[in-house]
N, C-alpha and C. Protein backbone atom coordinates (compact mmCIF):
# COMPACT_ATOMS: atom_id res chain seq x y z
N UNK A 1 0.84 -1.18 0.00
CA UNK A 1 0.00 0.00 0.00
C UNK A 1 0.89 1.24 0.00
N UNK A 2 0.45 2.27 -0.67
CA UNK A 2 1.25 3.49 -0.72
C UNK A 2 1.48 4.12 0.65
N UNK A 3 0.53 4.01 1.58
CA UNK A 3 0.65 4.65 2.87
C UNK A 3 0.71 3.65 4.01
N UNK A 4 1.16 2.46 3.73
CA UNK A 4 1.29 1.46 4.77
C UNK A 4 0.24 0.37 4.61
N UNK A 5 0.37 -0.71 5.38
CA UNK A 5 -0.58 -1.83 5.25
C UNK A 5 -1.95 -1.49 5.83
N UNK A 6 -2.94 -2.21 5.34
CA UNK A 6 -4.28 -2.07 5.88
C UNK A 6 -4.34 -2.73 7.26
N UNK A 7 -5.29 -2.34 8.09
CA UNK A 7 -5.44 -3.00 9.40
C UNK A 7 -5.70 -4.50 9.21
N UNK A 8 -5.34 -5.25 10.21
CA UNK A 8 -5.51 -6.70 10.15
C UNK A 8 -6.95 -7.09 9.87
N UNK A 9 -7.16 -7.99 8.92
CA UNK A 9 -8.48 -8.49 8.60
C UNK A 9 -9.24 -7.67 7.56
N UNK A 10 -8.66 -6.58 7.09
CA UNK A 10 -9.33 -5.75 6.09
C UNK A 10 -8.76 -6.10 4.72
N UNK A 11 -9.63 -6.40 3.81
CA UNK A 11 -9.23 -6.77 2.47
C UNK A 11 -9.49 -5.59 1.54
N UNK A 12 -8.50 -5.24 0.74
CA UNK A 12 -8.63 -4.11 -0.17
C UNK A 12 -9.72 -4.35 -1.20
N UNK A 13 -9.96 -5.59 -1.58
CA UNK A 13 -11.02 -5.88 -2.56
C UNK A 13 -12.41 -5.55 -2.00
N UNK A 14 -12.58 -5.69 -0.69
CA UNK A 14 -13.86 -5.33 -0.07
C UNK A 14 -14.06 -3.81 -0.15
N UNK A 15 -13.02 -3.07 0.15
CA UNK A 15 -13.09 -1.61 0.07
C UNK A 15 -13.40 -1.18 -1.36
N UNK A 16 -12.71 -1.78 -2.33
CA UNK A 16 -12.95 -1.47 -3.75
C UNK A 16 -14.41 -1.76 -4.12
N UNK A 17 -14.91 -2.90 -3.69
CA UNK A 17 -16.28 -3.28 -4.02
C UNK A 17 -17.28 -2.27 -3.47
N UNK A 18 -17.06 -1.82 -2.24
CA UNK A 18 -17.97 -0.84 -1.63
C UNK A 18 -17.95 0.47 -2.41
N UNK A 19 -16.75 0.96 -2.73
CA UNK A 19 -16.63 2.22 -3.47
C UNK A 19 -17.28 2.13 -4.85
N UNK A 20 -16.95 1.08 -5.58
CA UNK A 20 -17.47 0.93 -6.94
C UNK A 20 -18.98 0.71 -6.92
N UNK A 21 -19.46 -0.09 -5.97
CA UNK A 21 -20.91 -0.33 -5.87
C UNK A 21 -21.65 0.96 -5.52
N UNK A 22 -21.08 1.79 -4.66
CA UNK A 22 -21.72 3.07 -4.33
C UNK A 22 -21.81 3.95 -5.56
N UNK A 23 -20.76 4.00 -6.35
CA UNK A 23 -20.77 4.78 -7.59
C UNK A 23 -21.79 4.22 -8.57
N UNK A 24 -21.91 2.90 -8.61
CA UNK A 24 -22.88 2.25 -9.49
C UNK A 24 -24.31 2.57 -9.05
N UNK A 25 -24.56 2.56 -7.76
CA UNK A 25 -25.90 2.89 -7.24
C UNK A 25 -26.26 4.34 -7.57
N UNK A 26 -25.29 5.24 -7.43
CA UNK A 26 -25.54 6.64 -7.78
C UNK A 26 -25.89 6.76 -9.26
N UNK A 27 -25.22 5.99 -10.10
CA UNK A 27 -25.52 6.03 -11.54
C UNK A 27 -26.93 5.52 -11.82
N UNK A 28 -27.33 4.47 -11.16
CA UNK A 28 -28.67 3.91 -11.39
C UNK A 28 -29.76 4.86 -10.88
N UNK A 29 -29.55 5.40 -9.67
CA UNK A 29 -30.53 6.33 -9.11
C UNK A 29 -30.57 7.62 -9.94
N UNK A 30 -29.42 8.08 -10.37
CA UNK A 30 -29.35 9.32 -11.12
C UNK A 30 -30.03 9.28 -12.47
N UNK A 31 -30.17 8.09 -13.04
CA UNK A 31 -30.83 7.96 -14.35
C UNK A 31 -32.27 8.47 -14.27
N UNK A 32 -32.91 8.33 -13.13
CA UNK A 32 -34.31 8.71 -12.98
C UNK A 32 -34.49 10.10 -12.38
N UNK A 33 -33.39 10.75 -11.98
CA UNK A 33 -33.50 12.01 -11.24
C UNK A 33 -33.90 13.17 -12.15
N UNK A 34 -34.80 13.97 -11.63
CA UNK A 34 -35.17 15.23 -12.28
C UNK A 34 -34.17 16.29 -11.83
N UNK A 35 -34.28 17.49 -12.39
CA UNK A 35 -33.37 18.57 -12.02
C UNK A 35 -33.46 18.83 -10.52
N UNK A 36 -32.32 18.75 -9.83
CA UNK A 36 -32.28 18.94 -8.39
C UNK A 36 -30.89 19.42 -7.97
N UNK A 37 -30.74 19.69 -6.69
CA UNK A 37 -29.46 20.17 -6.17
C UNK A 37 -28.68 19.11 -5.42
N UNK A 38 -29.08 17.85 -5.54
CA UNK A 38 -28.42 16.79 -4.78
C UNK A 38 -27.70 15.79 -5.68
N UNK A 39 -28.35 15.33 -6.74
CA UNK A 39 -27.79 14.29 -7.59
C UNK A 39 -27.70 14.82 -9.02
N UNK A 40 -26.57 14.54 -9.66
CA UNK A 40 -26.43 14.89 -11.06
C UNK A 40 -25.28 15.84 -11.32
N UNK A 41 -25.12 16.20 -12.59
CA UNK A 41 -24.12 17.19 -12.98
C UNK A 41 -24.71 18.55 -12.64
N UNK A 42 -24.30 19.09 -11.50
CA UNK A 42 -24.92 20.31 -10.98
C UNK A 42 -23.98 21.49 -11.19
N UNK A 43 -24.12 22.13 -12.33
CA UNK A 43 -23.32 23.31 -12.65
C UNK A 43 -24.26 24.41 -13.13
N UNK A 44 -23.79 25.64 -13.18
CA UNK A 44 -24.64 26.70 -13.73
C UNK A 44 -25.07 26.39 -15.17
N UNK A 45 -24.22 25.70 -15.90
CA UNK A 45 -24.55 25.35 -17.29
C UNK A 45 -25.74 24.40 -17.35
N UNK A 46 -25.72 23.36 -16.53
CA UNK A 46 -26.82 22.39 -16.58
C UNK A 46 -28.10 22.95 -16.00
N UNK A 47 -27.98 23.86 -15.02
CA UNK A 47 -29.19 24.46 -14.45
C UNK A 47 -29.81 25.51 -15.36
N UNK A 48 -29.09 25.90 -16.40
CA UNK A 48 -29.62 26.95 -17.29
C UNK A 48 -30.73 26.45 -18.20
N UNK A 49 -30.79 25.14 -18.43
CA UNK A 49 -31.80 24.61 -19.35
C UNK A 49 -32.16 23.17 -18.95
N UNK A 50 -33.44 22.87 -19.06
CA UNK A 50 -33.90 21.51 -18.75
C UNK A 50 -33.32 20.50 -19.75
N UNK A 51 -33.21 20.91 -21.01
CA UNK A 51 -32.68 20.02 -22.05
C UNK A 51 -31.21 19.72 -21.81
N UNK A 52 -30.43 20.73 -21.45
CA UNK A 52 -29.01 20.51 -21.16
C UNK A 52 -28.86 19.62 -19.93
N UNK A 53 -29.69 19.85 -18.92
CA UNK A 53 -29.66 19.02 -17.71
C UNK A 53 -29.89 17.54 -18.07
N UNK A 54 -30.93 17.28 -18.84
CA UNK A 54 -31.27 15.88 -19.13
C UNK A 54 -30.21 15.23 -20.02
N UNK A 55 -29.74 15.93 -21.05
CA UNK A 55 -28.73 15.33 -21.94
C UNK A 55 -27.41 15.09 -21.21
N UNK A 56 -26.96 16.08 -20.45
CA UNK A 56 -25.68 15.95 -19.75
C UNK A 56 -25.73 14.84 -18.71
N UNK A 57 -26.82 14.77 -17.97
CA UNK A 57 -26.92 13.75 -16.93
C UNK A 57 -27.11 12.36 -17.51
N UNK A 58 -27.87 12.25 -18.60
CA UNK A 58 -28.03 10.93 -19.23
C UNK A 58 -26.68 10.41 -19.71
N UNK A 59 -25.91 11.28 -20.36
CA UNK A 59 -24.58 10.88 -20.82
C UNK A 59 -23.68 10.53 -19.63
N UNK A 60 -23.75 11.33 -18.58
CA UNK A 60 -22.91 11.10 -17.40
C UNK A 60 -23.18 9.74 -16.78
N UNK A 61 -24.45 9.41 -16.60
CA UNK A 61 -24.78 8.16 -15.94
C UNK A 61 -24.53 6.95 -16.82
N UNK A 62 -24.69 7.09 -18.12
CA UNK A 62 -24.34 5.98 -19.02
C UNK A 62 -22.83 5.72 -18.97
N UNK A 63 -22.03 6.77 -18.95
CA UNK A 63 -20.58 6.60 -18.83
C UNK A 63 -20.21 5.97 -17.49
N UNK A 64 -20.89 6.39 -16.42
CA UNK A 64 -20.63 5.81 -15.11
C UNK A 64 -20.93 4.31 -15.10
N UNK A 65 -22.05 3.94 -15.71
CA UNK A 65 -22.39 2.51 -15.79
C UNK A 65 -21.37 1.74 -16.62
N UNK A 66 -21.00 2.32 -17.77
CA UNK A 66 -20.04 1.65 -18.65
C UNK A 66 -18.67 1.53 -17.99
N UNK A 67 -18.37 2.39 -17.06
CA UNK A 67 -17.09 2.37 -16.36
C UNK A 67 -17.11 1.44 -15.15
N UNK A 68 -18.19 1.49 -14.36
CA UNK A 68 -18.19 0.76 -13.09
C UNK A 68 -18.47 -0.73 -13.23
N UNK A 69 -19.33 -1.11 -14.15
CA UNK A 69 -19.67 -2.54 -14.27
C UNK A 69 -18.45 -3.39 -14.61
N UNK A 70 -17.67 -3.04 -15.67
CA UNK A 70 -16.47 -3.86 -15.94
C UNK A 70 -15.45 -3.80 -14.80
N UNK A 71 -15.33 -2.64 -14.16
CA UNK A 71 -14.37 -2.52 -13.06
C UNK A 71 -14.79 -3.38 -11.87
N UNK A 72 -16.08 -3.44 -11.60
CA UNK A 72 -16.58 -4.28 -10.52
C UNK A 72 -16.36 -5.77 -10.84
N UNK A 73 -16.61 -6.15 -12.06
CA UNK A 73 -16.37 -7.54 -12.48
C UNK A 73 -14.89 -7.89 -12.35
N UNK A 74 -14.02 -6.98 -12.79
CA UNK A 74 -12.57 -7.20 -12.68
C UNK A 74 -12.15 -7.31 -11.22
N UNK A 75 -12.73 -6.51 -10.36
CA UNK A 75 -12.44 -6.58 -8.93
C UNK A 75 -12.83 -7.94 -8.36
N UNK A 76 -14.01 -8.46 -8.76
CA UNK A 76 -14.44 -9.78 -8.30
C UNK A 76 -13.52 -10.88 -8.81
N UNK A 77 -13.08 -10.76 -10.06
CA UNK A 77 -12.17 -11.77 -10.62
C UNK A 77 -10.85 -11.77 -9.86
N UNK A 78 -10.29 -10.58 -9.63
CA UNK A 78 -9.03 -10.50 -8.88
C UNK A 78 -9.19 -11.05 -7.47
N UNK A 79 -10.31 -10.75 -6.83
CA UNK A 79 -10.54 -11.26 -5.47
C UNK A 79 -10.71 -12.77 -5.47
N UNK A 80 -11.43 -13.29 -6.47
CA UNK A 80 -11.64 -14.74 -6.57
C UNK A 80 -10.33 -15.47 -6.80
N UNK A 81 -9.45 -14.89 -7.61
CA UNK A 81 -8.15 -15.50 -7.88
C UNK A 81 -7.15 -15.28 -6.75
N UNK A 82 -7.55 -14.50 -5.74
CA UNK A 82 -6.73 -14.19 -4.57
C UNK A 82 -5.39 -13.58 -4.98
N UNK A 83 -5.48 -12.62 -5.92
CA UNK A 83 -4.27 -11.92 -6.33
C UNK A 83 -3.89 -10.93 -5.23
N UNK A 84 -2.64 -10.55 -5.20
CA UNK A 84 -2.12 -9.72 -4.13
C UNK A 84 -2.66 -8.29 -4.12
N UNK A 85 -2.20 -7.55 -3.11
CA UNK A 85 -2.65 -6.17 -2.94
C UNK A 85 -2.32 -5.26 -4.12
N UNK A 86 -1.23 -5.46 -4.84
CA UNK A 86 -0.97 -4.55 -5.98
C UNK A 86 -2.11 -4.54 -7.01
N UNK A 87 -2.80 -5.64 -7.17
CA UNK A 87 -3.92 -5.68 -8.11
C UNK A 87 -5.11 -4.88 -7.57
N UNK A 88 -5.35 -5.00 -6.27
CA UNK A 88 -6.41 -4.20 -5.64
C UNK A 88 -6.08 -2.72 -5.70
N UNK A 89 -4.81 -2.39 -5.48
CA UNK A 89 -4.39 -1.00 -5.58
C UNK A 89 -4.57 -0.47 -6.99
N UNK A 90 -4.26 -1.31 -7.98
CA UNK A 90 -4.42 -0.89 -9.38
C UNK A 90 -5.87 -0.58 -9.69
N UNK A 91 -6.78 -1.38 -9.18
CA UNK A 91 -8.21 -1.12 -9.40
C UNK A 91 -8.61 0.19 -8.73
N UNK A 92 -8.10 0.43 -7.55
CA UNK A 92 -8.42 1.67 -6.84
C UNK A 92 -7.90 2.89 -7.60
N UNK A 93 -6.70 2.79 -8.14
CA UNK A 93 -6.13 3.89 -8.92
C UNK A 93 -6.91 4.09 -10.22
N UNK A 94 -7.27 3.01 -10.89
CA UNK A 94 -8.07 3.12 -12.12
C UNK A 94 -9.42 3.76 -11.81
N UNK A 95 -10.01 3.39 -10.68
CA UNK A 95 -11.29 3.97 -10.27
C UNK A 95 -11.15 5.47 -10.05
N UNK A 96 -10.10 5.89 -9.36
CA UNK A 96 -9.90 7.32 -9.09
C UNK A 96 -9.68 8.10 -10.38
N UNK A 97 -8.82 7.60 -11.25
CA UNK A 97 -8.54 8.29 -12.51
C UNK A 97 -9.79 8.31 -13.39
N UNK A 98 -10.51 7.21 -13.45
CA UNK A 98 -11.72 7.15 -14.26
C UNK A 98 -12.81 8.09 -13.75
N UNK A 99 -12.95 8.18 -12.44
CA UNK A 99 -13.95 9.07 -11.86
C UNK A 99 -13.65 10.52 -12.20
N UNK A 100 -12.40 10.91 -12.04
CA UNK A 100 -12.00 12.28 -12.37
C UNK A 100 -12.20 12.55 -13.86
N UNK A 101 -11.83 11.59 -14.69
CA UNK A 101 -11.97 11.77 -16.14
C UNK A 101 -13.43 11.89 -16.58
N UNK A 102 -14.28 11.05 -16.03
CA UNK A 102 -15.71 11.09 -16.38
C UNK A 102 -16.32 12.42 -15.96
N UNK A 103 -16.00 12.88 -14.76
CA UNK A 103 -16.55 14.15 -14.29
C UNK A 103 -16.05 15.33 -15.11
N UNK A 104 -14.79 15.32 -15.47
CA UNK A 104 -14.24 16.40 -16.30
C UNK A 104 -14.90 16.39 -17.68
N UNK A 105 -15.05 15.22 -18.26
CA UNK A 105 -15.70 15.11 -19.57
C UNK A 105 -17.14 15.63 -19.50
N UNK A 106 -17.85 15.27 -18.45
CA UNK A 106 -19.25 15.70 -18.33
C UNK A 106 -19.38 17.22 -18.21
N UNK A 107 -18.46 17.84 -17.49
CA UNK A 107 -18.49 19.29 -17.39
C UNK A 107 -18.28 19.95 -18.76
N UNK A 108 -17.31 19.45 -19.51
CA UNK A 108 -17.04 19.99 -20.84
C UNK A 108 -18.21 19.71 -21.79
N UNK A 109 -18.82 18.55 -21.68
CA UNK A 109 -19.95 18.20 -22.53
C UNK A 109 -21.12 19.15 -22.28
N UNK A 110 -21.39 19.45 -21.02
CA UNK A 110 -22.47 20.38 -20.69
C UNK A 110 -22.18 21.78 -21.23
N UNK A 111 -20.93 22.21 -21.11
CA UNK A 111 -20.56 23.53 -21.65
C UNK A 111 -20.74 23.57 -23.17
N UNK A 112 -20.35 22.50 -23.85
CA UNK A 112 -20.51 22.45 -25.31
C UNK A 112 -21.99 22.46 -25.71
N UNK A 113 -22.84 21.77 -24.94
CA UNK A 113 -24.27 21.80 -25.22
C UNK A 113 -24.82 23.22 -25.08
N UNK A 114 -24.35 23.93 -24.05
CA UNK A 114 -24.81 25.31 -23.84
C UNK A 114 -24.35 26.21 -24.99
N UNK A 115 -23.14 26.00 -25.47
CA UNK A 115 -22.64 26.80 -26.59
C UNK A 115 -23.46 26.54 -27.85
N UNK A 116 -23.80 25.27 -28.09
CA UNK A 116 -24.61 24.92 -29.26
C UNK A 116 -25.98 25.58 -29.20
N UNK A 117 -26.55 25.65 -28.01
CA UNK A 117 -27.88 26.25 -27.82
C UNK A 117 -27.81 27.77 -27.75
N UNK A 118 -26.61 28.32 -27.64
CA UNK A 118 -26.46 29.76 -27.54
C UNK A 118 -26.83 30.30 -26.18
N UNK A 119 -26.73 29.45 -25.16
CA UNK A 119 -27.08 29.86 -23.80
C UNK A 119 -25.82 30.39 -23.12
N UNK A 120 -25.90 31.59 -22.59
CA UNK A 120 -24.78 32.19 -21.88
C UNK A 120 -24.91 31.86 -20.40
N UNK A 121 -23.86 31.28 -19.85
CA UNK A 121 -23.87 30.95 -18.43
C UNK A 121 -22.68 31.59 -17.75
N UNK A 122 -22.80 31.79 -16.46
CA UNK A 122 -21.68 32.38 -15.73
C UNK A 122 -20.63 31.31 -15.45
N UNK A 123 -19.39 31.70 -15.53
CA UNK A 123 -18.30 30.79 -15.23
C UNK A 123 -18.06 30.77 -13.73
N UNK A 124 -17.83 29.60 -13.20
CA UNK A 124 -17.54 29.45 -11.79
C UNK A 124 -16.02 29.44 -11.62
N UNK A 125 -15.53 30.36 -10.85
CA UNK A 125 -14.09 30.45 -10.61
C UNK A 125 -13.78 29.73 -9.31
N UNK A 126 -12.76 28.90 -9.35
CA UNK A 126 -12.31 28.17 -8.18
C UNK A 126 -11.10 28.91 -7.63
N UNK A 127 -11.21 29.56 -6.48
CA UNK A 127 -10.11 30.39 -5.99
C UNK A 127 -8.87 29.58 -5.65
N UNK A 128 -7.72 30.23 -5.78
CA UNK A 128 -6.44 29.57 -5.55
C UNK A 128 -6.32 29.06 -4.11
N UNK A 129 -6.85 29.83 -3.14
CA UNK A 129 -6.74 29.39 -1.75
C UNK A 129 -7.50 28.08 -1.51
N UNK A 130 -8.59 27.85 -2.25
CA UNK A 130 -9.34 26.60 -2.10
C UNK A 130 -8.52 25.42 -2.62
N UNK A 131 -7.85 25.62 -3.73
CA UNK A 131 -7.01 24.55 -4.30
C UNK A 131 -5.86 24.24 -3.34
N UNK A 132 -5.22 25.27 -2.82
CA UNK A 132 -4.11 25.06 -1.88
C UNK A 132 -4.61 24.36 -0.62
N UNK A 133 -5.78 24.74 -0.13
CA UNK A 133 -6.36 24.10 1.06
C UNK A 133 -6.62 22.61 0.80
N UNK A 134 -7.19 22.28 -0.35
CA UNK A 134 -7.44 20.87 -0.68
C UNK A 134 -6.14 20.07 -0.76
N UNK A 135 -5.10 20.66 -1.34
CA UNK A 135 -3.81 19.97 -1.44
C UNK A 135 -3.24 19.73 -0.05
N UNK A 136 -3.30 20.74 0.82
CA UNK A 136 -2.77 20.59 2.17
C UNK A 136 -3.55 19.56 2.99
N UNK A 137 -4.87 19.54 2.83
CA UNK A 137 -5.68 18.54 3.53
C UNK A 137 -5.32 17.14 3.05
N UNK A 138 -5.13 16.98 1.75
CA UNK A 138 -4.75 15.68 1.19
C UNK A 138 -3.41 15.22 1.75
N UNK A 139 -2.44 16.13 1.80
CA UNK A 139 -1.13 15.78 2.35
C UNK A 139 -1.25 15.41 3.83
N UNK A 140 -2.03 16.18 4.58
CA UNK A 140 -2.22 15.89 6.01
C UNK A 140 -2.85 14.52 6.22
N UNK A 141 -3.87 14.20 5.42
CA UNK A 141 -4.52 12.88 5.54
C UNK A 141 -3.55 11.76 5.18
N UNK A 142 -2.71 11.96 4.16
CA UNK A 142 -1.72 10.95 3.79
C UNK A 142 -0.72 10.73 4.92
N UNK A 143 -0.29 11.80 5.57
CA UNK A 143 0.65 11.68 6.68
C UNK A 143 0.00 10.96 7.86
N UNK A 144 -1.23 11.33 8.17
CA UNK A 144 -1.95 10.66 9.27
C UNK A 144 -2.12 9.18 8.97
N UNK A 145 -2.50 8.83 7.73
CA UNK A 145 -2.66 7.43 7.34
C UNK A 145 -1.33 6.69 7.52
N UNK A 146 -0.24 7.31 7.09
CA UNK A 146 1.07 6.69 7.20
C UNK A 146 1.45 6.47 8.66
N UNK A 147 1.21 7.45 9.50
CA UNK A 147 1.58 7.34 10.92
C UNK A 147 0.75 6.27 11.63
N UNK A 148 -0.51 6.13 11.24
CA UNK A 148 -1.37 5.14 11.89
C UNK A 148 -1.01 3.72 11.45
N UNK A 149 -0.76 3.53 10.15
CA UNK A 149 -0.61 2.17 9.61
C UNK A 149 0.82 1.82 9.20
N UNK A 150 1.82 2.53 9.70
CA UNK A 150 3.20 2.21 9.28
C UNK A 150 3.72 0.94 9.91
């Protein structure tokens, strides 16, 4: 593990299964969701039009399903074959990269839909102090994880 071993009796494949299954459940529930502030691609662009909301979210959830189902199957195969922790770690890394990629794609897709429709939306600026704070929190959590499980 990058930050030390897992506690005794904890299997990384179980953690992967829980994370991927939660993402899969969100995708299934989100397919039926109407415009709201809790579930879905929630940006000023998607809130500007009902059509953009439905198209962007439908694409988002289809991509989530197409991503999570094979990853969940692969996780079960690796667990069944009792492959070592590096394989579980690889699935976790693929999940993280895939999640970030899908979300980034969905944001750009919604913006492109708004441009096609000629809808002007306000840009959301993410301040530099927020980015620095997130980086520092991530480093602090990594250090705490290392100190606990070294």
